[in-house]
Amino acid sequence: MDKSKNIINLGAVLFLSIIFSYIILEDTICGAKNDFVFHKKFIILFAENFKNTLNGYGKGELLASNSLIFYIFLKV
């Protein structure tokens, strides 16, 4: 019986921590919006002109640290 009470208490604490984080606008990954804007550019480029983007990927303005497959998958 004591174990189930501890599990319920742990669940309540975790739930309250999520609510608290939402209230204080905590951003643990520090810049998810910036990441979204950066990746959105590649996704749109692959969707509009796959061949040219594939040829220019990793050079100049199209330099990214993510795998090419990541963007191709998100394009679909």
N, C-alpha and C. Protein backbone atom coordinates (compact mmCIF):
# COMPACT_ATOMS: atom_id res chain seq x y z
N MET A 1 0.82 -1.19 0.00
CA MET A 1 0.00 0.00 0.00
C MET A 1 0.86 1.25 0.00
N ASP A 2 2.00 1.20 0.69
CA ASP A 2 2.87 2.36 0.80
C ASP A 2 3.50 2.72 -0.55
N LYS A 3 3.82 1.70 -1.37
CA LYS A 3 4.41 1.96 -2.68
C LYS A 3 3.44 2.69 -3.60
N SER A 4 2.19 2.30 -3.59
CA SER A 4 1.22 2.94 -4.47
C SER A 4 0.99 4.40 -4.04
N LYS A 5 1.08 4.68 -2.76
CA LYS A 5 0.93 6.06 -2.28
C LYS A 5 2.11 6.91 -2.76
N ASN A 6 3.32 6.33 -2.75
CA ASN A 6 4.50 7.05 -3.23
C ASN A 6 4.40 7.34 -4.73
N ILE A 7 3.87 6.40 -5.48
CA ILE A 7 3.72 6.59 -6.92
C ILE A 7 2.71 7.70 -7.21
N ILE A 8 1.63 7.72 -6.47
CA ILE A 8 0.62 8.78 -6.65
C ILE A 8 1.21 10.14 -6.30
N ASN A 9 1.98 10.20 -5.20
CA ASN A 9 2.62 11.45 -4.81
C ASN A 9 3.63 11.92 -5.86
N LEU A 10 4.39 11.00 -6.41
CA LEU A 10 5.36 11.34 -7.44
C LEU A 10 4.65 11.88 -8.69
N GLY A 11 3.58 11.24 -9.08
CA GLY A 11 2.81 11.71 -10.22
C GLY A 11 2.26 13.11 -10.00
N ALA A 12 1.78 13.36 -8.81
CA ALA A 12 1.23 14.69 -8.49
C ALA A 12 2.32 15.75 -8.54
N VAL A 13 3.49 15.43 -8.00
CA VAL A 13 4.61 16.39 -8.02
C VAL A 13 5.04 16.67 -9.45
N LEU A 14 5.14 15.66 -10.28
CA LEU A 14 5.53 15.85 -11.68
C LEU A 14 4.50 16.69 -12.43
N PHE A 15 3.24 16.42 -12.20
CA PHE A 15 2.18 17.19 -12.84
C PHE A 15 2.23 18.66 -12.40
N LEU A 16 2.42 18.90 -11.12
CA LEU A 16 2.50 20.27 -10.63
C LEU A 16 3.74 20.99 -11.17
N SER A 17 4.82 20.26 -11.39
CA SER A 17 6.01 20.89 -11.96
C SER A 17 5.77 21.32 -13.41
N ILE A 18 4.97 20.56 -14.14
CA ILE A 18 4.62 20.96 -15.51
C ILE A 18 3.77 22.22 -15.48
N ILE A 19 2.81 22.28 -14.61
CA ILE A 19 1.96 23.46 -14.48
C ILE A 19 2.80 24.68 -14.09
N PHE A 20 3.70 24.51 -13.12
CA PHE A 20 4.57 25.60 -12.67
C PHE A 20 5.46 26.09 -13.81
N SER A 21 6.03 25.18 -14.58
CA SER A 21 6.88 25.55 -15.71
C SER A 21 6.10 26.34 -16.75
N TYR A 22 4.88 25.96 -16.99
CA TYR A 22 4.03 26.69 -17.93
C TYR A 22 3.75 28.10 -17.44
N ILE A 23 3.49 28.25 -16.15
CA ILE A 23 3.17 29.56 -15.59
C ILE A 23 4.36 30.51 -15.67
N ILE A 24 5.58 30.02 -15.38
CA ILE A 24 6.75 30.90 -15.40
C ILE A 24 7.41 30.96 -16.78
N LEU A 25 6.79 30.33 -17.78
CA LEU A 25 7.27 30.34 -19.17
C LEU A 25 8.69 29.80 -19.30
N GLU A 26 8.95 28.69 -18.64
CA GLU A 26 10.26 28.07 -18.70
C GLU A 26 10.51 27.50 -20.10
N ASP A 27 11.69 27.74 -20.62
CA ASP A 27 12.09 27.21 -21.92
C ASP A 27 13.40 26.45 -21.73
N THR A 28 13.29 25.18 -21.43
CA THR A 28 14.46 24.38 -21.09
C THR A 28 15.44 24.24 -22.23
N ILE A 29 14.94 24.18 -23.45
CA ILE A 29 15.84 23.98 -24.58
C ILE A 29 16.33 25.30 -25.18
N CYS A 30 15.96 26.40 -24.57
CA CYS A 30 16.50 27.72 -24.90
C CYS A 30 16.47 28.06 -26.38
N GLY A 31 15.34 28.20 -26.92
CA GLY A 31 15.25 28.69 -28.28
C GLY A 31 14.56 27.78 -29.25
N ALA A 32 13.54 27.11 -28.83
CA ALA A 32 12.83 26.22 -29.74
C ALA A 32 12.24 26.99 -30.91
N LYS A 33 11.83 28.21 -30.69
CA LYS A 33 11.27 29.03 -31.77
C LYS A 33 12.34 29.32 -32.83
N ASN A 34 13.55 29.62 -32.39
CA ASN A 34 14.64 29.87 -33.33
C ASN A 34 14.98 28.62 -34.13
N ASP A 35 14.98 27.48 -33.49
CA ASP A 35 15.22 26.22 -34.20
C ASP A 35 14.15 25.97 -35.26
N PHE A 36 12.91 26.24 -34.90
CA PHE A 36 11.82 26.04 -35.84
C PHE A 36 12.00 26.91 -37.08
N VAL A 37 12.33 28.17 -36.88
CA VAL A 37 12.51 29.10 -38.02
C VAL A 37 13.67 28.63 -38.89
N PHE A 38 14.76 28.17 -38.27
CA PHE A 38 15.92 27.70 -39.02
C PHE A 38 15.58 26.47 -39.86
N HIS A 39 14.91 25.49 -39.28
CA HIS A 39 14.58 24.26 -39.99
C HIS A 39 13.48 24.46 -41.02
N LYS A 40 12.59 25.39 -40.76
CA LYS A 40 11.48 25.65 -41.69
C LYS A 40 12.02 26.07 -43.06
N LYS A 41 13.10 26.84 -43.06
CA LYS A 41 13.71 27.28 -44.32
C LYS A 41 14.11 26.09 -45.18
N PHE A 42 14.75 25.10 -44.59
CA PHE A 42 15.20 23.92 -45.33
C PHE A 42 14.03 23.08 -45.82
N ILE A 43 13.02 22.95 -44.98
CA ILE A 43 11.86 22.14 -45.36
C ILE A 43 11.15 22.76 -46.56
N ILE A 44 10.99 24.07 -46.54
CA ILE A 44 10.35 24.75 -47.66
C ILE A 44 11.19 24.64 -48.93
N LEU A 45 12.51 24.83 -48.79
CA LEU A 45 13.39 24.72 -49.96
C LEU A 45 13.33 23.33 -50.58
N PHE A 46 13.34 22.29 -49.77
CA PHE A 46 13.25 20.93 -50.31
C PHE A 46 11.89 20.68 -50.96
N ALA A 47 10.85 21.24 -50.41
CA ALA A 47 9.51 21.04 -50.97
C ALA A 47 9.36 21.76 -52.31
N GLU A 48 9.96 22.94 -52.43
CA GLU A 48 9.80 23.72 -53.65
C GLU A 48 10.71 23.27 -54.78
N ASN A 49 11.98 23.01 -54.48
CA ASN A 49 12.94 22.65 -55.51
C ASN A 49 13.93 21.64 -54.94
N PHE A 50 13.55 20.39 -55.00
CA PHE A 50 14.31 19.33 -54.35
C PHE A 50 15.72 19.20 -54.93
N LYS A 51 15.83 19.18 -56.24
CA LYS A 51 17.12 18.92 -56.89
C LYS A 51 18.16 20.01 -56.59
N ASN A 52 17.78 21.27 -56.75
CA ASN A 52 18.72 22.35 -56.49
C ASN A 52 19.11 22.42 -55.02
N THR A 53 18.17 22.20 -54.13
CA THR A 53 18.47 22.22 -52.71
C THR A 53 19.38 21.06 -52.35
N LEU A 54 19.16 19.90 -52.93
CA LEU A 54 20.01 18.75 -52.68
C LEU A 54 21.43 19.01 -53.15
N ASN A 55 21.59 19.63 -54.30
CA ASN A 55 22.92 19.93 -54.83
C ASN A 55 23.65 20.99 -54.00
N GLY A 56 22.92 21.94 -53.44
CA GLY A 56 23.55 23.01 -52.67
C GLY A 56 23.60 22.79 -51.18
N TYR A 57 23.06 21.68 -50.71
CA TYR A 57 22.99 21.43 -49.27
C TYR A 57 24.40 21.30 -48.68
N GLY A 58 24.64 22.00 -47.59
CA GLY A 58 25.92 21.93 -46.92
C GLY A 58 26.91 22.97 -47.40
N LYS A 59 26.51 23.82 -48.31
CA LYS A 59 27.39 24.86 -48.86
C LYS A 59 26.76 26.23 -48.65
N GLY A 60 27.58 27.18 -48.27
CA GLY A 60 27.13 28.57 -48.15
C GLY A 60 25.95 28.76 -47.22
N GLU A 61 24.86 29.27 -47.76
CA GLU A 61 23.67 29.58 -46.97
C GLU A 61 22.95 28.31 -46.51
N LEU A 62 23.17 27.20 -47.18
CA LEU A 62 22.48 25.95 -46.84
C LEU A 62 23.30 25.06 -45.92
N LEU A 63 24.12 25.66 -45.09
CA LEU A 63 24.93 24.90 -44.14
C LEU A 63 24.10 24.58 -42.90
N ALA A 64 24.03 23.30 -42.57
CA ALA A 64 23.26 22.86 -41.40
C ALA A 64 23.97 21.68 -40.77
N SER A 65 23.75 21.51 -39.46
CA SER A 65 24.39 20.41 -38.75
C SER A 65 23.54 19.14 -38.74
N ASN A 66 22.31 19.25 -39.20
CA ASN A 66 21.43 18.08 -39.23
C ASN A 66 21.65 17.26 -40.49
N SER A 67 21.23 16.03 -40.41
CA SER A 67 21.33 15.13 -41.56
C SER A 67 20.37 15.58 -42.66
N LEU A 68 20.78 15.34 -43.86
CA LEU A 68 19.96 15.64 -45.02
C LEU A 68 18.64 14.87 -44.98
N ILE A 69 18.68 13.66 -44.49
CA ILE A 69 17.49 12.80 -44.42
C ILE A 69 16.43 13.40 -43.50
N PHE A 70 16.87 14.09 -42.47
CA PHE A 70 15.95 14.77 -41.54
C PHE A 70 15.02 15.71 -42.30
N TYR A 71 15.57 16.54 -43.17
CA TYR A 71 14.77 17.52 -43.91
C TYR A 71 13.94 16.87 -45.00
N ILE A 72 14.49 15.86 -45.64
CA ILE A 72 13.72 15.16 -46.68
C ILE A 72 12.50 14.49 -46.06
N PHE A 73 12.68 13.89 -44.88
CA PHE A 73 11.58 13.25 -44.18
C PHE A 73 10.51 14.27 -43.77
N LEU A 74 10.92 15.43 -43.29
CA LEU A 74 9.95 16.45 -42.87
C LEU A 74 9.24 17.09 -44.05
N LYS A 75 9.84 17.07 -45.20
CA LYS A 75 9.23 17.65 -46.40
C LYS A 75 7.97 16.91 -46.79
N VAL A 76 7.95 15.61 -46.56
CA VAL A 76 6.85 14.76 -47.01
C VAL A 76 5.64 15.01 -46.22
